[in-house]
C-alpha atoms as a PDB file:
ATOM      1  CA  MET A   1      94.286 123.227  92.651  1.00  0.00           C
ATOM      2  CA  PRO A   2      94.001 119.940  90.742  1.00  0.00           C
ATOM      3  CA  THR A   3      91.964 120.209  87.580  1.00  0.00           C
ATOM      4  CA  ALA A   4      89.271 117.781  86.461  1.00  0.00           C
ATOM      5  CA  VAL A   5      91.853 116.163  84.191  1.00  0.00           C
ATOM      6  CA  ASP A   6      94.283 115.684  87.081  1.00  0.00           C
ATOM      7  CA  GLU A   7      91.530 114.219  89.255  1.00  0.00           C
ATOM      8  CA  ARG A   8      90.541 111.804  86.523  1.00  0.00           C
ATOM      9  CA  LEU A   9      94.162 110.732  86.025  1.00  0.00           C
ATOM     10  CA  ALA A  10      94.451 110.112  89.762  1.00  0.00           C
ATOM     11  CA  GLU A  11      91.336 107.908  89.577  1.00  0.00           C
ATOM     12  CA  LEU A  12      92.802 105.927  86.702  1.00  0.00           C
ATOM     13  CA  ALA A  13      96.123 105.558  88.492  1.00  0.00           C
ATOM     14  CA  ALA A  14      94.350 104.162  91.529  1.00  0.00           C
ATOM     15  CA  ARG A  15      92.137 101.845  89.486  1.00  0.00           C
ATOM     16  CA  TRP A  16      95.030 100.316  87.587  1.00  0.00           C
ATOM     17  CA  GLU A  17      97.647 100.589  90.382  1.00  0.00           C
ATOM     18  CA  LEU A  18      99.936 102.645  88.142  1.00  0.00           C
ATOM     19  CA  PRO A  19     103.441 103.769  89.125  1.00  0.00           C
ATOM     20  CA  ASP A  20     103.700 106.964  91.169  1.00  0.00           C
ATOM     21  CA  ALA A  21     105.037 108.928  88.199  1.00  0.00           C
ATOM     22  CA  ALA A  22     102.196 107.900  85.886  1.00  0.00           C
ATOM     23  CA  PRO A  23      99.666 110.723  86.461  1.00  0.00           C
ATOM     24  CA  ALA A  24     102.255 113.418  85.737  1.00  0.00           C
ATOM     25  CA  GLN A  25     103.532 111.554  82.665  1.00  0.00           C
ATOM     26  CA  LEU A  26     100.035 111.012  81.301  1.00  0.00           C
ATOM     27  CA  ARG A  27      99.174 114.677  81.903  1.00  0.00           C
ATOM     28  CA  ALA A  28     102.303 115.716  80.032  1.00  0.00           C
ATOM     29  CA  ILE A  29     101.339 113.479  77.111  1.00  0.00           C
ATOM     30  CA  LEU A  30      97.858 115.004  76.950  1.00  0.00           C
ATOM     31  CA  ASP A  31      99.292 118.525  77.066  1.00  0.00           C
ATOM     32  CA  LEU A  32     101.775 117.759  74.296  1.00  0.00           C
ATOM     33  CA  VAL A  33      99.003 116.303  72.125  1.00  0.00           C
ATOM     34  CA  ALA A  34      96.959 119.473  72.684  1.00  0.00           C
ATOM     35  CA  ALA A  35      99.892 121.730  71.812  1.00  0.00           C
ATOM     36  CA  GLU A  36     101.011 119.853  68.688  1.00  0.00           C
ATOM     37  CA  PRO A  37     100.361 122.077  65.631  1.00  0.00           C
ATOM     38  CA  THR A  38     100.150 119.223  63.110  1.00  0.00           C
ATOM     39  CA  SER A  39      97.200 116.879  62.707  1.00  0.00           C
ATOM     40  CA  ILE A  40      98.040 114.064  65.115  1.00  0.00           C
ATOM     41  CA  THR A  41      94.549 113.192  66.355  1.00  0.00           C
ATOM     42  CA  THR A  42      91.061 114.647  66.159  1.00  0.00           C
ATOM     43  CA  VAL A  43      90.695 114.612  69.961  1.00  0.00           C
ATOM     44  CA  ARG A  44      93.161 117.172  71.297  1.00  0.00           C
ATOM     45  CA  ASP A  45      91.525 118.743  74.357  1.00  0.00           C
ATOM     46  CA  PRO A  46      92.865 117.046  77.515  1.00  0.00           C
ATOM     47  CA  VAL A  47      89.375 117.175  79.048  1.00  0.00           C
ATOM     48  CA  GLU A  48      88.164 114.852  76.290  1.00  0.00           C
ATOM     49  CA  GLY A  49      91.445 113.042  75.801  1.00  0.00           C
ATOM     50  CA  VAL A  50      91.748 111.827  79.379  1.00  0.00           C
ATOM     51  CA  ASN A  51      88.890 109.428  78.667  1.00  0.00           C
ATOM     52  CA  ALA A  52      88.928 109.056  74.872  1.00  0.00           C
ATOM     53  CA  HIS A  53      92.667 108.376  74.802  1.00  0.00           C
ATOM     54  CA  VAL A  54      94.064 107.529  78.232  1.00  0.00           C
ATOM     55  CA  ALA A  55      91.208 105.632  79.888  1.00  0.00           C
ATOM     56  CA  ASP A  56      90.444 103.795  76.655  1.00  0.00           C
ATOM     57  CA  SER A  57      94.084 102.763  76.267  1.00  0.00           C
ATOM     58  CA  LEU A  58      94.435 101.614  79.864  1.00  0.00           C
ATOM     59  CA  ALA A  59      91.448  99.284  79.388  1.00  0.00           C
ATOM     60  CA  GLY A  60      93.972  97.001  77.724  1.00  0.00           C
ATOM     61  CA  LEU A  61      95.335  96.266  81.195  1.00  0.00           C
ATOM     62  CA  GLU A  62      92.273  94.087  81.741  1.00  0.00           C
ATOM     63  CA  VAL A  63      94.075  91.527  79.562  1.00  0.00           C
ATOM     64  CA  GLU A  64      96.595  89.503  81.556  1.00  0.00           C
ATOM     65  CA  ALA A  65      98.805  89.036  78.507  1.00  0.00           C
ATOM     66  CA  VAL A  66      99.213  92.811  78.288  1.00  0.00           C
ATOM     67  CA  ARG A  67     100.046  93.160  81.980  1.00  0.00           C
ATOM     68  CA  GLN A  68     102.630  90.364  81.776  1.00  0.00           C
ATOM     69  CA  ALA A  69     104.207  91.271  78.426  1.00  0.00           C
ATOM     70  CA  GLY A  70     107.930  91.841  78.169  1.00  0.00           C
ATOM     71  CA  ARG A  71     107.563  93.372  74.712  1.00  0.00           C
ATOM     72  CA  ILE A  72     104.596  95.140  73.113  1.00  0.00           C
ATOM     73  CA  ALA A  73     104.375  96.461  69.559  1.00  0.00           C
ATOM     74  CA  ASP A  74     101.678  99.087  69.012  1.00  0.00           C
ATOM     75  CA  LEU A  75     100.733  99.248  65.327  1.00  0.00           C
ATOM     76  CA  GLY A  76      99.666 102.495  63.686  1.00  0.00           C
ATOM     77  CA  SER A  77     100.488 104.435  66.838  1.00  0.00           C
ATOM     78  CA  GLY A  78      99.527 107.816  65.365  1.00  0.00           C
ATOM     79  CA  GLY A  79      98.961 110.140  68.308  1.00  0.00           C
ATOM     80  CA  GLY A  80     100.484 107.601  70.678  1.00  0.00           C
ATOM     81  CA  PHE A  81      97.553 105.612  71.986  1.00  0.00           C
ATOM     82  CA  PRO A  82      97.369 102.986  73.323  1.00  0.00           C
ATOM     83  CA  GLY A  83     101.145 102.565  73.108  1.00  0.00           C
ATOM     84  CA  LEU A  84     102.316 105.556  75.142  1.00  0.00           C
ATOM     85  CA  ALA A  85      99.728 105.017  77.864  1.00  0.00           C
ATOM     86  CA  LEU A  86     100.716 101.363  78.172  1.00  0.00           C
ATOM     87  CA  ALA A  87     104.393 102.333  78.307  1.00  0.00           C
ATOM     88  CA  VAL A  88     103.617 104.652  81.230  1.00  0.00           C
ATOM     89  CA  ALA A  89     101.601 101.936  82.988  1.00  0.00           C
ATOM     90  CA  LEU A  90     104.205  99.216  82.387  1.00  0.00           C
ATOM     91  CA  PRO A  91     107.658 100.758  82.845  1.00  0.00           C
ATOM     92  CA  ASP A  92     109.378  97.354  82.768  1.00  0.00           C
ATOM     93  CA  THR A  93     107.814  96.496  79.393  1.00  0.00           C
ATOM     94  CA  HIS A  94     109.546  97.476  76.151  1.00  0.00           C
ATOM     95  CA  VAL A  95     107.011  99.196  73.892  1.00  0.00           C
ATOM     96  CA  THR A  96     107.672  99.732  70.188  1.00  0.00           C
ATOM     97  CA  LEU A  97     105.480 102.303  68.458  1.00  0.00           C
ATOM     98  CA  VAL A  98     105.166 101.312  64.791  1.00  0.00           C
ATOM     99  CA  GLU A  99     103.981 104.207  62.604  1.00  0.00           C
ATOM    100  CA  SER A 100     104.308 104.743  58.851  1.00  0.00           C
ATOM    101  CA  VAL A 101     103.952 108.559  58.830  1.00  0.00           C
ATOM    102  CA  GLY A 102     107.258 110.308  59.461  1.00  0.00           C
ATOM    103  CA  LYS A 103     105.892 113.451  61.122  1.00  0.00           C
ATOM    104  CA  LYS A 104     103.937 111.330  63.572  1.00  0.00           C
ATOM    105  CA  CYS A 105     107.083 109.357  64.395  1.00  0.00           C
ATOM    106  CA  GLU A 106     108.920 112.602  65.130  1.00  0.00           C
ATOM    107  CA  PHE A 107     106.079 113.613  67.449  1.00  0.00           C
ATOM    108  CA  LEU A 108     106.137 110.253  69.237  1.00  0.00           C
ATOM    109  CA  ARG A 109     109.890 110.494  69.782  1.00  0.00           C
ATOM    110  CA  ARG A 110     109.513 113.997  71.223  1.00  0.00           C
ATOM    111  CA  ILE A 111     106.836 112.807  73.646  1.00  0.00           C
ATOM    112  CA  ALA A 112     108.839 109.773  74.751  1.00  0.00           C
ATOM    113  CA  GLY A 113     111.856 111.996  75.401  1.00  0.00           C
ATOM    114  CA  ALA A 114     109.900 114.733  77.173  1.00  0.00           C
ATOM    115  CA  THR A 115     108.184 112.270  79.508  1.00  0.00           C
ATOM    116  CA  GLY A 116     111.254 110.149  80.245  1.00  0.00           C
ATOM    117  CA  LEU A 117     109.863 106.963  78.712  1.00  0.00           C
ATOM    118  CA  ALA A 118     113.102 105.038  78.322  1.00  0.00           C
ATOM    119  CA  ASN A 119     111.129 101.862  77.546  1.00  0.00           C
ATOM    120  CA  VAL A 120     109.789 103.252  74.227  1.00  0.00           C
ATOM    121  CA  ASP A 121     111.192 102.907  70.709  1.00  0.00           C
ATOM    122  CA  VAL A 122     109.625 104.348  67.559  1.00  0.00           C
ATOM    123  CA  VAL A 123     109.807 102.538  64.217  1.00  0.00           C
ATOM    124  CA  ASN A 124     108.954 104.473  61.046  1.00  0.00           C
ATOM    125  CA  ALA A 125     107.509 101.664  58.934  1.00  0.00           C
ATOM    126  CA  ARG A 126     104.365  99.884  57.950  1.00  0.00           C
ATOM    127  CA  ALA A 127     103.642  96.834  60.076  1.00  0.00           C
ATOM    128  CA  GLU A 128     104.144  94.450  57.162  1.00  0.00           C
ATOM    129  CA  ALA A 129     107.497  96.110  56.315  1.00  0.00           C
ATOM    130  CA  TRP A 130     109.186  95.613  59.685  1.00  0.00           C
ATOM    131  CA  PRO A 131     111.044  92.301  59.340  1.00  0.00           C
ATOM    132  CA  ALA A 132     113.206  93.067  62.378  1.00  0.00           C
ATOM    133  CA  GLY A 133     110.080  92.647  64.482  1.00  0.00           C
ATOM    134  CA  HIS A 134     109.199  89.169  63.259  1.00  0.00           C
ATOM    135  CA  GLY A 135     108.841  86.681  66.078  1.00  0.00           C
ATOM    136  CA  THR A 136     109.845  89.185  68.776  1.00  0.00           C
ATOM    137  CA  GLU A 137     106.659  90.524  70.367  1.00  0.00           C
ATOM    138  CA  ASP A 138     104.672  89.089  73.267  1.00  0.00           C
ATOM    139  CA  VAL A 139     101.722  91.352  72.478  1.00  0.00           C
ATOM    140  CA  VAL A 140     100.681  93.379  69.455  1.00  0.00           C
ATOM    141  CA  THR A 141      98.132  96.141  70.035  1.00  0.00           C
ATOM    142  CA  ALA A 142      96.069  98.123  67.545  1.00  0.00           C
ATOM    143  CA  ARG A 143      93.416 100.792  68.061  1.00  0.00           C
ATOM    144  CA  ALA A 144      91.251 102.221  65.279  1.00  0.00           C
ATOM    145  CA  LEU A 145      93.654 100.929  62.635  1.00  0.00           C
ATOM    146  CA  ALA A 146      92.086  98.271  60.396  1.00  0.00           C
ATOM    147  CA  PRO A 147      89.543  95.431  60.204  1.00  0.00           C
ATOM    148  CA  LEU A 148      90.277  92.311  62.217  1.00  0.00           C
ATOM    149  CA  ASN A 149      91.397  90.197  59.255  1.00  0.00           C
ATOM    150  CA  VAL A 150      93.915  92.871  58.221  1.00  0.00           C
ATOM    151  CA  LEU A 151      95.175  93.259  61.785  1.00  0.00           C
ATOM    152  CA  ALA A 152      95.647  89.503  62.029  1.00  0.00           C
ATOM    153  CA  GLU A 153      97.930  89.528  58.988  1.00  0.00           C
ATOM    154  CA  TYR A 154      99.895  92.481  60.343  1.00  0.00           C
ATOM    155  CA  ALA A 155     100.317  90.971  63.799  1.00  0.00           C
ATOM    156  CA  ALA A 156     100.804  87.230  63.326  1.00  0.00           C
ATOM    157  CA  PRO A 157     104.367  87.360  61.931  1.00  0.00           C
ATOM    158  CA  LEU A 158     105.453  89.692  64.753  1.00  0.00           C
ATOM    159  CA  LEU A 159     104.228  87.519  67.615  1.00  0.00           C
ATOM    160  CA  VAL A 160     106.208  84.932  69.530  1.00  0.00           C
ATOM    161  CA  ALA A 161     104.616  81.528  70.030  1.00  0.00           C
ATOM    162  CA  GLY A 162     101.850  82.004  72.590  1.00  0.00           C
ATOM    163  CA  GLY A 163     101.752  85.756  71.975  1.00  0.00           C
ATOM    164  CA  SER A 164      98.571  87.801  71.696  1.00  0.00           C
ATOM    165  CA  LEU A 165      97.016  90.330  69.354  1.00  0.00           C
ATOM    166  CA  VAL A 166      94.771  92.780  71.231  1.00  0.00           C
ATOM    167  CA  ALA A 167      92.550  94.992  69.072  1.00  0.00           C
ATOM    168  CA  TRP A 168      90.367  97.828  70.352  1.00  0.00           C
ATOM    169  CA  LYS A 169      86.942  97.860  68.659  1.00  0.00           C
ATOM    170  CA  GLY A 170      83.413  99.183  69.122  1.00  0.00           C
ATOM    171  CA  HIS A 171      80.116  97.519  68.210  1.00  0.00           C
ATOM    172  CA  ARG A 172      80.315  93.873  67.194  1.00  0.00           C
ATOM    173  CA  ASP A 173      80.246  93.188  63.461  1.00  0.00           C
ATOM    174  CA  PRO A 174      79.522  89.520  62.664  1.00  0.00           C
ATOM    175  CA  SER A 175      80.922  89.845  59.139  1.00  0.00           C
ATOM    176  CA  GLU A 176      84.174  91.354  60.410  1.00  0.00           C
ATOM    177  CA  GLU A 177      84.423  88.662  63.085  1.00  0.00           C
ATOM    178  CA  ALA A 178      83.939  85.924  60.479  1.00  0.00           C
ATOM    179  CA  ASP A 179      86.662  87.418  58.292  1.00  0.00           C
ATOM    180  CA  GLY A 180      88.902  87.684  61.339  1.00  0.00           C
ATOM    181  CA  LEU A 181      88.373  83.991  62.079  1.00  0.00           C
ATOM    182  CA  ALA A 182      89.140  83.038  58.469  1.00  0.00           C
ATOM    183  CA  ALA A 183      92.342  85.055  58.508  1.00  0.00           C
ATOM    184  CA  ALA A 184      93.367  83.717  61.905  1.00  0.00           C
ATOM    185  CA  THR A 185      92.972  80.135  60.695  1.00  0.00           C
ATOM    186  CA  GLN A 186      95.439  80.783  57.872  1.00  0.00           C
ATOM    187  CA  LEU A 187      97.911  82.723  59.994  1.00  0.00           C
ATOM    188  CA  GLY A 188      98.381  80.488  63.041  1.00  0.00           C
ATOM    189  CA  LEU A 189      96.114  82.486  65.329  1.00  0.00           C
ATOM    190  CA  GLU A 190      93.162  81.447  67.464  1.00  0.00           C
ATOM    191  CA  PRO A 191      90.471  84.008  68.344  1.00  0.00           C
ATOM    192  CA  LEU A 192      89.105  84.231  71.870  1.00  0.00           C
ATOM    193  CA  PRO A 193      85.662  85.655  72.702  1.00  0.00           C
ATOM    194  CA  PRO A 194      85.701  89.478  72.512  1.00  0.00           C
ATOM    195  CA  ARG A 195      85.870  91.127  75.923  1.00  0.00           C
ATOM    196  CA  ALA A 196      83.480  93.970  76.713  1.00  0.00           C
ATOM    197  CA  VAL A 197      85.118  96.861  78.568  1.00  0.00           C
ATOM    198  CA  GLU A 198      83.852 100.167  79.944  1.00  0.00           C
ATOM    199  CA  PRO A 199      86.876 102.467  80.109  1.00  0.00           C
ATOM    200  CA  PHE A 200      84.713 105.434  81.128  1.00  0.00           C
ATOM    201  CA  PRO A 201      81.002 106.066  81.807  1.00  0.00           C
ATOM    202  CA  GLY A 202      79.058 106.169  78.574  1.00  0.00           C
ATOM    203  CA  ALA A 203      81.766 104.496  76.519  1.00  0.00           C
ATOM    204  CA  ASP A 204      80.100 103.271  73.356  1.00  0.00           C
ATOM    205  CA  ALA A 205      80.177  99.473  73.255  1.00  0.00           C
ATOM    206  CA  ARG A 206      83.942  99.096  73.628  1.00  0.00           C
ATOM    207  CA  ARG A 207      85.435  95.658  73.138  1.00  0.00           C
ATOM    208  CA  LEU A 208      88.873  94.110  73.086  1.00  0.00           C
ATOM    209  CA  TYR A 209      89.409  91.384  70.504  1.00  0.00           C
ATOM    210  CA  LEU A 210      92.055  88.815  71.433  1.00  0.00           C
ATOM    211  CA  TYR A 211      93.882  86.376  69.174  1.00  0.00           C
ATOM    212  CA  LEU A 212      96.483  83.894  70.430  1.00  0.00           C
ATOM    213  CA  LYS A 213      99.364  82.649  68.305  1.00  0.00           C
ATOM    214  CA  VAL A 214      98.986  78.893  68.502  1.00  0.00           C
ATOM    215  CA  SER A 215     101.101  77.779  65.535  1.00  0.00           C
ATOM    216  CA  SER A 216     103.675  79.116  63.106  1.00  0.00           C
ATOM    217  CA  THR A 217     102.643  81.712  60.565  1.00  0.00           C
ATOM    218  CA  PRO A 218     103.271  80.496  56.987  1.00  0.00           C
ATOM    219  CA  PRO A 219     106.382  82.156  55.514  1.00  0.00           C
ATOM    220  CA  ARG A 220     104.385  83.801  52.714  1.00  0.00           C
ATOM    221  CA  TYR A 221     102.916  86.194  55.308  1.00  0.00           C
ATOM    222  CA  PRO A 222     102.923  89.075  55.605  1.00  0.00           C
ATOM    223  CA  ARG A 223     102.386  89.788  51.941  1.00  0.00           C
ATOM    224  CA  ARG A 224     104.007  92.830  50.385  1.00  0.00           C
ATOM    225  CA  GLU A 225     103.020  96.289  51.587  1.00  0.00           C
ATOM    226  CA  GLY A 226      99.372  97.151  51.069  1.00  0.00           C
ATOM    227  CA  MET A 227      98.186  93.686  50.057  1.00  0.00           C
ATOM    228  CA  ALA A 228      96.540  92.900  53.399  1.00  0.00           C
ATOM    229  CA  ARG A 229      94.145  95.805  52.776  1.00  0.00           C
ATOM    230  CA  LYS A 230      93.808  95.474  49.008  1.00  0.00           C
ATOM    231  CA  ARG A 231      93.182  91.716  49.028  1.00  0.00           C
ATOM    232  CA  PRO A 232      92.215  90.866  52.612  1.00  0.00           C
ATOM    233  CA  LEU A 233      91.778  87.297  53.775  1.00  0.00           C
ATOM    234  CA  ARG A 234      88.022  86.654  54.031  1.00  0.00           C
ATOM    235  CA  ALA A 235      85.534  84.077  55.191  1.00  0.00           C
END
């Protein structure tokens, strides 16, 4: 008998027109997260994770740039979301999971191998210390990683011209938005209006923040590791 988790995954697969293999792959990811003995994420139970992780990640498919991307870099991938879920949903898209913690990278590689995600690579590095990624990504994603101005500095050098940063956020914060705009102006990005999404019933004020790369990022960015957080660009 299908469980509640399986039924919910089937609903999500239908909503987003996912590949036939997606529900089984997403279920395997949730089960591996639940079984992982190290601290990968605070939400481990698949009953919670199917919404908190999978549905929330798949909300990114509302953005056309995500659906059409040839290459996506997911920054601070941690437990694998949204990057792994997007890799399942978009099997023709190359997804790079960028994570600075080695044990989390090992976990991400195990999941990608166990679920047959041949379109996934894992990079053990901080976003600002990945020069091989500069100017290569159509989309950069980030979920629960950093304030908007910090994300802008991480993402801008990685994006191709016309590429997009997509950041998962909750309640609107005018101060954070103003800092994000100030950073974007210096980095060659242009913010679009945040997009409200409801990945699951009762989701708490979820929004996707979008920034387009409209001009070249000055060569002094990104600054050396840690500087984007220690001395963030502000309004």
